Amino acid sequence: MPEPDPSDELYPPYVAYVRPWSSETGPTTRPTPPPPPAPDPKQRGHFSTGLVAFVAAVLGALAVVALLAILGVFEDEPIETAAPAPPAADTTVVREVTTEIVTVPTAPGVPEAVAIKVVPSVVTVEVGDLDGDTLTLNGSGSGVVLQDGYIATNHHVIEDASFSRVVLEDGRTYDAEIVGSDAYTDLAVLKVDIEGLQPIEFGSTENLAIGQMAVAVGNPLGQDGGVSLTVGVVSALSRTVDFGDQSALYGMLQTDAPITSGSSGGALVDEGGQLIGITAAIGVSQAGAEGIGYAIPVELVERITNEIIETGTAIHPFIGIYGTDYVVTADDGALTPSGAEIAELIEDASPAGDAGFLPGDAIVNVAGAEIRTMEDLVVALRLYHVGDEVLVTVIRDESPISASVLLIERPDDPPVLTNPDDPELRVVPDDE
């Protein structure tokens, strides 16, 4: 815009100008403003206006400082600064100067970092039948690299296969040997004779909490191009997955990270990329998949796969009881699971009986682990080996009794116990 000409009547000296725009009339000009008023002829005092303003400002500042001092603002106290909240995070004020930040589980960059760390440790497992030179593939799953070419997967992935192979992330395919498997925990181990595989880093479920980030890595539907990654949270702990055929998996982790067919045997990891479970099952209703996935806890994975690598099989410990949940009625009428009650001792094969325990005793602790249900007892014992001695505590007549129990090998199919006194009561055999 050209500089205004001071001689132009439209632009008098020291007067700002604007040219408003009207869609109907176009640019318009500002009318000539009236001339400025004449100076006041009255004679000024000795002190200039600027000096008076300066003195007034100083006096005002001193007054504010005095007021703040009276209020105690300048007392020597530490100041706690709240961290800046991330976008869209909820902030709850718990004190005037303290904030509690609720962070989102999927912080930017975390899934990508997990993928970089974990994807090289997860493979596709293909299974089928080999007849001469003809290979017929019957299905696929996923696997997790453990160590020295050993790969963990699910028992149900390789259960009926006579041939298996693994496909690496870069597309290389290798025949795999089935080292062994365990139906009770749905775990199996494969072996490939190659070097340079990247073992996964083991984590822990000891301090795992509901709501923590969980990432599933596997190959859903056996797709070409390698494994994929889905993100969710730990939805629940210690779930029992009942398959409806008198078999069940105990102590399972539940997640909403999407898991589909083909993901079985893949990795469930935490936000640090550490293994917390092997994915094994999904929840399905008549409407289809329900966004519920289950994983075998890493502690059980480590125990079972190590034994399969060493011996080719996994043997489960057994204390020789039939048991059910021990339920106590609280003062307010609530029914509270408080142990695993010994319903009956198995004849000729009961380490619990040898240790002096009796039907009616309620097992409440095994080697420091609290036992509130039969499921707790199964989960606790499966972490031990046959031949281990564990300290077991029971409640009898409201008094605790402790004794060491020598774990023996679990029979293949312990007989089912029926309860004639209460035909509707289902007494679950202890499969440990």
Protein backbone atom coordinates (compact mmCIF):
# COMPACT_ATOMS: atom_id res chain seq x y z
CA MET A 1 0.00 0.00 0.00
CA PRO A 2 1.46 3.43 -0.89
CA GLU A 3 2.31 5.82 1.89
CA PRO A 4 -0.45 8.43 2.45
CA ASP A 5 0.20 11.96 1.31
CA PRO A 6 0.01 14.30 4.34
CA SER A 7 -1.37 16.99 2.06
CA ASP A 8 -4.30 14.82 1.09
CA GLU A 9 -7.45 15.81 3.01
CA LEU A 10 -8.41 12.17 3.35
CA TYR A 11 -5.25 11.41 5.35
CA PRO A 12 -4.61 14.15 7.92
CA PRO A 13 -1.36 13.97 9.92
CA TYR A 14 -1.17 11.42 12.83
CA VAL A 15 -4.61 9.93 12.08
CA ALA A 16 -4.83 6.19 11.37
CA TYR A 17 -6.88 5.27 8.39
CA VAL A 18 -8.89 2.24 7.32
CA ARG A 19 -10.57 1.50 4.05
CA PRO A 20 -13.55 -0.75 4.84
CA TRP A 21 -14.76 -3.07 2.08
CA SER A 22 -18.42 -3.44 1.23
CA SER A 23 -19.54 -6.21 -1.06
CA GLU A 24 -22.12 -3.84 -2.48
CA THR A 25 -20.33 -0.50 -2.70
CA GLY A 26 -16.70 -1.57 -2.88
CA PRO A 27 -13.91 0.35 -1.16
CA THR A 28 -14.98 3.41 0.79
CA THR A 29 -13.02 6.26 2.28
CA ARG A 30 -13.03 7.47 5.83
CA PRO A 31 -14.63 10.94 6.16
CA THR A 32 -12.37 13.77 7.22
CA PRO A 33 -12.23 13.82 11.04
CA PRO A 34 -12.70 17.09 12.92
CA PRO A 35 -9.52 19.05 13.73
CA PRO A 36 -7.82 18.23 17.05
CA PRO A 37 -8.81 20.46 20.01
CA ALA A 38 -6.62 23.44 20.78
CA PRO A 39 -4.11 23.14 23.65
CA ASP A 40 -5.27 24.10 27.12
CA PRO A 41 -3.98 27.62 27.71
CA LYS A 42 -3.81 26.98 31.45
CA GLN A 43 -0.25 27.24 32.88
CA ARG A 44 1.36 23.90 34.03
CA GLY A 45 3.00 23.31 37.43
CA HIS A 46 6.71 22.77 38.12
CA PHE A 47 6.54 18.90 37.99
CA SER A 48 6.03 17.34 34.59
CA THR A 49 3.31 14.79 33.98
CA GLY A 50 5.90 12.05 33.27
CA LEU A 51 7.59 12.58 36.62
CA VAL A 52 4.30 12.43 38.47
CA ALA A 53 3.41 9.17 36.69
CA PHE A 54 6.82 7.67 37.60
CA VAL A 55 6.43 8.51 41.29
CA ALA A 56 2.91 7.10 41.32
CA ALA A 57 4.13 3.86 39.73
CA VAL A 58 6.92 3.45 42.30
CA LEU A 59 4.55 4.04 45.20
CA GLY A 60 2.09 1.54 43.74
CA ALA A 61 4.78 -1.11 43.36
CA LEU A 62 5.94 -0.62 46.94
CA ALA A 63 2.37 -1.03 48.12
CA VAL A 64 1.99 -4.31 46.21
CA VAL A 65 5.28 -5.65 47.63
CA ALA A 66 4.18 -4.76 51.14
CA LEU A 67 0.86 -6.52 50.64
CA LEU A 68 2.53 -9.68 49.31
CA ALA A 69 4.92 -9.70 52.27
CA ILE A 70 1.97 -9.49 54.68
CA LEU A 71 0.35 -12.43 52.93
CA GLY A 72 3.51 -14.54 53.35
CA VAL A 73 4.25 -14.96 49.65
CA PHE A 74 7.98 -14.45 50.22
CA GLU A 75 8.33 -17.13 52.92
CA ASP A 76 11.10 -19.64 52.19
CA GLU A 77 9.08 -22.72 51.09
CA PRO A 78 9.82 -25.20 48.26
CA ILE A 79 7.69 -24.96 45.14
CA GLU A 80 6.63 -28.15 43.37
CA THR A 81 6.04 -27.76 39.66
CA ALA A 82 3.54 -30.04 37.96
CA ALA A 83 4.68 -31.74 34.79
CA PRO A 84 2.88 -30.61 31.64
CA ALA A 85 -0.04 -32.86 30.81
CA PRO A 86 -0.05 -34.66 27.45
CA PRO A 87 -2.86 -33.78 25.04
CA ALA A 88 -6.26 -35.13 26.01
CA ALA A 89 -4.94 -36.49 29.37
CA ASP A 90 -7.13 -36.16 32.44
CA THR A 91 -5.61 -34.24 35.35
CA THR A 92 -6.83 -34.65 38.90
CA VAL A 93 -5.76 -31.97 41.39
CA VAL A 94 -4.92 -33.62 44.71
CA ARG A 95 -3.19 -30.58 46.27
CA GLU A 96 -2.85 -27.00 45.21
CA VAL A 97 0.54 -27.56 43.65
CA THR A 98 0.47 -31.28 42.81
CA THR A 99 -1.18 -32.96 39.84
CA GLU A 100 -1.69 -36.61 39.06
CA ILE A 101 -1.31 -37.34 35.36
CA VAL A 102 -3.27 -40.20 33.83
CA THR A 103 -1.30 -41.20 30.74
CA VAL A 104 -2.68 -42.95 27.71
CA PRO A 105 -1.47 -46.58 27.38
CA THR A 106 -0.27 -46.18 23.82
CA ALA A 107 2.24 -43.37 24.08
CA PRO A 108 3.46 -42.12 20.70
CA GLY A 109 6.27 -44.23 19.32
CA VAL A 110 5.91 -47.14 21.76
CA PRO A 111 4.21 -49.62 19.36
CA GLU A 112 6.79 -48.80 16.71
CA ALA A 113 9.66 -49.39 19.14
CA VAL A 114 8.07 -52.67 20.25
CA ALA A 115 7.75 -53.77 16.63
CA ILE A 116 11.41 -53.06 15.91
CA LYS A 117 12.42 -55.13 18.94
CA VAL A 118 9.95 -58.02 18.79
CA VAL A 119 9.01 -58.70 15.16
CA PRO A 120 12.37 -60.36 14.33
CA SER A 121 11.71 -62.84 17.17
CA VAL A 122 8.31 -64.01 15.89
CA VAL A 123 7.87 -66.47 13.01
CA THR A 124 5.07 -68.08 11.04
CA VAL A 125 4.59 -71.82 11.67
CA GLU A 126 3.16 -73.93 8.83
CA VAL A 127 2.05 -77.50 9.45
CA GLY A 128 0.83 -80.34 7.26
CA ASP A 129 1.55 -83.79 5.93
CA LEU A 130 4.45 -84.85 3.74
CA ASP A 131 3.82 -87.79 1.43
CA GLY A 132 6.99 -88.46 -0.53
CA ASP A 133 7.71 -85.23 -2.34
CA THR A 134 4.16 -83.92 -1.89
CA LEU A 135 3.54 -81.48 0.96
CA THR A 136 -0.03 -80.76 1.97
CA LEU A 137 -0.35 -77.78 4.31
CA ASN A 138 -3.22 -78.10 6.77
CA GLY A 139 -2.87 -74.92 8.77
CA SER A 140 -0.60 -72.31 10.24
CA GLY A 141 0.18 -70.57 13.48
CA SER A 142 2.89 -68.43 14.98
CA GLY A 143 6.02 -69.07 16.99
CA VAL A 144 8.43 -67.22 19.27
CA VAL A 145 12.21 -67.66 19.13
CA LEU A 146 13.52 -68.81 22.52
CA GLN A 147 17.20 -69.70 22.13
CA ASP A 148 19.65 -71.52 19.86
CA GLY A 149 17.09 -72.19 17.12
CA TYR A 150 14.35 -73.34 19.51
CA ILE A 151 10.90 -71.88 18.87
CA ALA A 152 7.86 -71.97 21.15
CA THR A 153 4.36 -72.40 19.77
CA ASN A 154 1.05 -73.95 20.85
CA HIS A 155 0.44 -77.67 21.20
CA HIS A 156 -2.79 -77.34 19.21
CA VAL A 157 -0.89 -75.78 16.29
CA ILE A 158 1.25 -78.88 15.70
CA GLU A 159 -0.92 -81.52 17.39
CA ASP A 160 -1.97 -83.48 14.29
CA ALA A 161 0.92 -82.52 12.01
CA SER A 162 3.51 -84.88 10.63
CA PHE A 163 5.50 -82.04 9.10
CA SER A 164 6.24 -78.48 10.15
CA ARG A 165 8.26 -75.55 8.92
CA VAL A 166 8.84 -71.95 9.91
CA VAL A 167 8.80 -68.82 7.78
CA LEU A 168 11.01 -65.95 8.94
CA GLU A 169 10.17 -62.27 8.63
CA ASP A 170 12.27 -61.92 5.48
CA GLY A 171 10.47 -64.84 3.81
CA ARG A 172 13.12 -67.52 4.32
CA THR A 173 11.52 -70.90 5.01
CA TYR A 174 13.07 -73.77 6.95
CA ASP A 175 11.91 -77.26 7.84
CA ALA A 176 11.39 -77.60 11.59
CA GLU A 177 11.65 -80.54 13.96
CA ILE A 178 8.93 -80.99 16.57
CA VAL A 179 10.95 -81.40 19.77
CA GLY A 180 7.93 -82.05 21.99
CA SER A 181 4.63 -80.67 23.21
CA ASP A 182 2.39 -80.56 26.26
CA ALA A 183 -1.38 -80.72 25.97
CA TYR A 184 -2.05 -79.62 29.56
CA THR A 185 -0.46 -76.22 29.04
CA ASP A 186 -0.94 -76.04 25.24
CA LEU A 187 2.76 -75.47 24.60
CA ALA A 188 5.17 -77.00 22.11
CA VAL A 189 8.76 -76.50 20.98
CA LEU A 190 10.18 -76.61 17.44
CA LYS A 191 13.84 -76.74 16.40
CA VAL A 192 15.42 -75.26 13.28
CA ASP A 193 19.07 -75.77 12.39
CA ILE A 194 19.96 -72.19 11.54
CA GLU A 195 21.96 -69.50 13.26
CA GLY A 196 21.34 -65.81 13.73
CA LEU A 197 17.77 -65.94 15.01
CA GLN A 198 16.96 -63.21 17.53
CA PRO A 199 15.65 -64.65 20.84
CA ILE A 200 12.84 -62.77 22.51
CA GLU A 201 13.49 -61.07 25.85
CA PHE A 202 11.59 -62.65 28.73
CA GLY A 203 9.59 -60.45 31.06
CA SER A 204 7.45 -61.20 34.12
CA THR A 205 3.81 -61.15 35.18
CA GLU A 206 4.66 -60.64 38.85
CA ASN A 207 3.88 -56.92 38.83
CA LEU A 208 1.54 -56.98 35.86
CA ALA A 209 -1.63 -54.94 36.41
CA ILE A 210 -4.94 -54.62 34.62
CA GLY A 211 -4.84 -51.71 32.19
CA GLN A 212 -1.16 -51.93 31.35
CA MET A 213 -0.25 -51.88 27.68
CA ALA A 214 -0.11 -55.24 25.88
CA VAL A 215 1.07 -55.85 22.32
CA ALA A 216 0.30 -59.04 20.39
CA VAL A 217 2.70 -60.09 17.62
CA GLY A 218 1.80 -63.01 15.36
CA ASN A 219 0.64 -63.93 11.88
CA PRO A 220 -3.16 -63.87 11.74
CA LEU A 221 -4.64 -66.14 9.07
CA GLY A 222 -1.14 -67.15 7.93
CA GLN A 223 -0.85 -64.20 5.57
CA ASP A 224 2.09 -63.69 3.24
CA GLY A 225 4.44 -60.91 4.18
CA GLY A 226 5.23 -61.90 7.75
CA VAL A 227 3.80 -61.19 11.15
CA SER A 228 1.65 -58.27 12.25
CA LEU A 229 1.25 -56.27 15.44
CA THR A 230 -1.86 -55.26 17.38
CA VAL A 231 -2.07 -53.07 20.47
CA GLY A 232 -4.32 -53.26 23.52
CA VAL A 233 -4.17 -53.61 27.28
CA VAL A 234 -4.07 -56.36 29.87
CA SER A 235 -7.79 -56.85 30.46
CA ALA A 236 -7.70 -59.40 33.27
CA LEU A 237 -5.39 -61.77 35.13
CA SER A 238 -5.67 -65.44 36.08
CA ARG A 239 -8.50 -66.45 33.77
CA THR A 240 -9.63 -70.05 33.28
CA VAL A 241 -10.26 -70.91 29.63
CA ASP A 242 -12.68 -73.84 29.45
CA PHE A 243 -12.79 -75.54 26.06
CA GLY A 244 -15.95 -77.51 26.85
CA ASP A 245 -14.29 -80.90 26.42
CA GLN A 246 -13.25 -81.31 30.07
CA SER A 247 -9.97 -79.57 29.32
CA ALA A 248 -9.01 -76.10 30.45
CA LEU A 249 -6.11 -73.69 30.65
CA TYR A 250 -5.54 -72.01 34.00
CA GLY A 251 -4.06 -68.71 35.11
CA MET A 252 -4.35 -67.16 31.64
CA LEU A 253 -3.80 -63.50 30.81
CA GLN A 254 -6.69 -61.78 29.06
CA THR A 255 -6.13 -58.96 26.56
CA ASP A 256 -8.14 -56.90 24.11
CA ALA A 257 -5.23 -56.72 21.67
CA PRO A 258 -6.82 -58.32 18.59
CA ILE A 259 -5.86 -62.00 18.21
CA THR A 260 -7.24 -64.17 15.42
CA SER A 261 -6.72 -67.61 13.92
CA GLY A 262 -3.09 -67.98 12.97
CA SER A 263 -1.93 -65.83 15.86
CA SER A 264 -1.81 -68.87 18.14
CA GLY A 265 1.72 -69.37 19.41
CA GLY A 266 2.63 -65.73 18.94
CA ALA A 267 4.00 -63.29 21.51
CA LEU A 268 2.17 -61.06 23.97
CA VAL A 269 4.64 -58.45 25.18
CA ASP A 270 4.62 -55.42 27.44
CA GLU A 271 5.46 -51.83 26.46
CA GLY A 272 9.16 -52.66 26.81
CA GLY A 273 8.92 -55.48 24.29
CA GLN A 274 9.41 -58.18 26.94
CA LEU A 275 7.49 -61.42 26.66
CA ILE A 276 4.63 -61.75 29.15
CA GLY A 277 2.75 -64.59 27.45
CA ILE A 278 2.21 -66.88 24.46
CA THR A 279 -1.13 -66.23 22.75
CA ALA A 280 -3.29 -69.35 22.74
CA ALA A 281 -7.03 -68.72 22.48
CA ILE A 282 -9.76 -66.21 21.68
CA GLY A 283 -13.27 -65.74 23.01
CA VAL A 284 -15.98 -66.39 20.42
CA SER A 285 -19.76 -66.13 20.70
CA GLN A 286 -22.55 -66.73 18.20
CA ALA A 287 -21.93 -63.20 16.93
CA GLY A 288 -18.26 -63.95 16.23
CA ALA A 289 -15.01 -62.89 17.86
CA GLU A 290 -15.55 -60.77 20.95
CA GLY A 291 -12.23 -58.96 21.19
CA ILE A 292 -11.08 -61.25 23.99
CA GLY A 293 -7.73 -62.97 23.67
CA TYR A 294 -5.87 -65.24 26.09
CA ALA A 295 -2.17 -65.86 26.61
CA ILE A 296 -0.20 -68.40 28.65
CA PRO A 297 1.84 -66.56 31.33
CA VAL A 298 5.55 -66.29 30.63
CA GLU A 299 6.60 -68.04 33.84
CA LEU A 300 4.75 -71.19 32.80
CA VAL A 301 6.05 -70.85 29.24
CA GLU A 302 9.62 -70.75 30.52
CA ARG A 303 9.18 -73.72 32.85
CA ILE A 304 7.48 -75.98 30.31
CA THR A 305 9.59 -75.11 27.25
CA ASN A 306 12.85 -75.54 29.18
CA GLU A 307 11.75 -79.02 30.24
CA ILE A 308 10.70 -79.94 26.71
CA ILE A 309 14.07 -78.76 25.36
CA GLU A 310 15.91 -80.81 27.99
CA THR A 311 13.82 -83.99 27.94
CA GLY A 312 11.47 -83.83 24.96
CA THR A 313 8.40 -83.75 27.17
CA ALA A 314 6.88 -82.00 30.18
CA ILE A 315 5.90 -83.85 33.36
CA HIS A 316 3.47 -82.24 35.76
CA PRO A 317 3.65 -82.49 39.56
CA PHE A 318 0.83 -83.97 41.59
CA ILE A 319 -0.18 -83.85 45.25
CA GLY A 320 -2.84 -86.54 45.02
CA ILE A 321 -6.12 -84.88 45.93
CA TYR A 322 -9.58 -84.18 44.63
CA GLY A 323 -10.42 -80.63 45.49
CA THR A 324 -12.93 -77.84 45.25
CA ASP A 325 -13.10 -74.18 46.24
CA TYR A 326 -13.25 -73.54 49.98
CA VAL A 327 -15.85 -70.84 50.57
CA VAL A 328 -16.31 -68.91 53.80
CA THR A 329 -19.44 -66.97 54.74
CA ALA A 330 -18.49 -63.52 56.04
CA ASP A 331 -20.31 -61.67 58.83
CA ASP A 332 -22.25 -59.65 56.28
CA GLY A 333 -23.35 -62.78 54.42
CA ALA A 334 -20.85 -62.56 51.59
CA LEU A 335 -19.47 -65.84 50.22
CA THR A 336 -15.68 -65.51 50.02
CA PRO A 337 -13.35 -68.01 48.29
CA SER A 338 -10.66 -68.66 50.90
CA GLY A 339 -8.73 -71.75 49.82
CA ALA A 340 -8.71 -75.09 48.00
CA GLU A 341 -10.53 -77.71 50.05
CA ILE A 342 -9.35 -81.31 49.99
CA ALA A 343 -12.48 -83.26 49.07
CA GLU A 344 -10.74 -86.65 48.96
CA LEU A 345 -7.25 -88.13 48.89
CA ILE A 346 -6.32 -90.37 45.96
CA GLU A 347 -5.52 -93.82 47.29
CA ASP A 348 -1.93 -95.06 46.99
CA ALA A 349 -0.83 -91.84 45.32
CA SER A 350 -1.30 -88.94 47.67
CA PRO A 351 1.72 -86.91 48.76
CA ALA A 352 -0.73 -84.64 50.57
CA GLY A 353 -1.98 -87.59 52.60
CA ASP A 354 1.59 -88.70 53.27
CA ALA A 355 2.26 -85.22 54.67
CA GLY A 356 -0.61 -85.64 57.15
CA PHE A 357 -3.33 -83.65 55.42
CA LEU A 358 -6.95 -84.83 55.60
CA PRO A 359 -10.19 -84.38 53.67
CA GLY A 360 -11.81 -81.17 54.82
CA ASP A 361 -8.49 -79.32 55.15
CA ALA A 362 -8.37 -76.10 53.16
CA ILE A 363 -5.07 -75.39 51.41
CA VAL A 364 -4.35 -71.67 51.77
CA ASN A 365 -0.67 -71.34 50.88
CA VAL A 366 1.89 -73.11 48.70
CA ALA A 367 5.53 -72.03 49.05
CA GLY A 368 4.49 -68.48 49.93
CA ALA A 369 1.82 -68.14 47.22
CA GLU A 370 -1.66 -67.40 48.57
CA ILE A 371 -4.27 -69.96 47.53
CA ARG A 372 -7.90 -68.80 47.33
CA THR A 373 -9.32 -71.24 44.78
CA MET A 374 -8.56 -74.58 43.17
CA GLU A 375 -7.36 -72.68 40.13
CA ASP A 376 -4.79 -70.91 42.30
CA LEU A 377 -3.53 -74.30 43.49
CA VAL A 378 -3.19 -75.63 39.95
CA VAL A 379 -1.35 -72.51 38.77
CA ALA A 380 1.02 -72.52 41.74
CA LEU A 381 1.96 -76.21 41.44
CA ARG A 382 2.56 -76.11 37.68
CA LEU A 383 5.56 -73.86 38.21
CA TYR A 384 7.36 -76.70 40.03
CA HIS A 385 8.93 -79.95 38.88
CA VAL A 386 8.35 -83.52 39.89
CA GLY A 387 10.63 -84.27 42.85
CA ASP A 388 10.44 -80.74 44.30
CA GLU A 389 9.39 -80.32 47.91
CA VAL A 390 7.04 -77.44 48.65
CA LEU A 391 5.76 -76.10 51.95
CA VAL A 392 1.96 -76.35 52.04
CA THR A 393 -0.24 -74.70 54.66
CA VAL A 394 -3.82 -75.76 55.37
CA ILE A 395 -6.54 -74.56 57.71
CA ARG A 396 -8.06 -77.23 59.94
CA ASP A 397 -10.56 -76.31 62.65
CA GLU A 398 -9.62 -72.64 62.07
CA SER A 399 -5.95 -73.36 62.83
CA PRO A 400 -3.05 -73.35 60.31
CA ILE A 401 -1.00 -76.51 59.79
CA SER A 402 2.10 -76.59 57.57
CA ALA A 403 4.07 -79.51 56.15
CA SER A 404 6.46 -80.24 53.28
CA VAL A 405 4.92 -82.11 50.36
CA LEU A 406 7.03 -84.11 47.89
CA LEU A 407 5.58 -83.65 44.40
CA ILE A 408 5.14 -86.79 42.30
CA GLU A 409 4.28 -87.30 38.64
CA ARG A 410 0.70 -86.64 37.65
CA PRO A 411 -1.20 -89.71 36.34
CA ASP A 412 -2.38 -89.44 32.74
CA ASP A 413 -6.06 -89.61 33.59
CA PRO A 414 -6.94 -89.47 37.30
CA PRO A 415 -10.40 -90.89 37.97
CA VAL A 416 -13.33 -88.48 38.22
CA LEU A 417 -14.81 -88.06 41.69
CA THR A 418 -18.57 -87.86 42.07
CA ASN A 419 -20.30 -86.49 45.15
CA PRO A 420 -23.35 -88.61 46.06
CA ASP A 421 -24.32 -86.25 48.88
CA ASP A 422 -24.76 -83.33 46.48
CA PRO A 423 -25.24 -84.45 42.86
CA GLU A 424 -25.32 -80.83 41.63
CA LEU A 425 -21.89 -80.10 43.12
CA ARG A 426 -19.22 -80.54 40.51
CA VAL A 427 -16.00 -81.63 42.17
CA VAL A 428 -13.08 -80.87 39.89
CA PRO A 429 -10.20 -83.33 40.04
CA ASP A 430 -6.93 -81.66 40.85
CA ASP A 431 -4.86 -82.16 37.71
CA GLU A 432 -1.67 -81.44 39.59
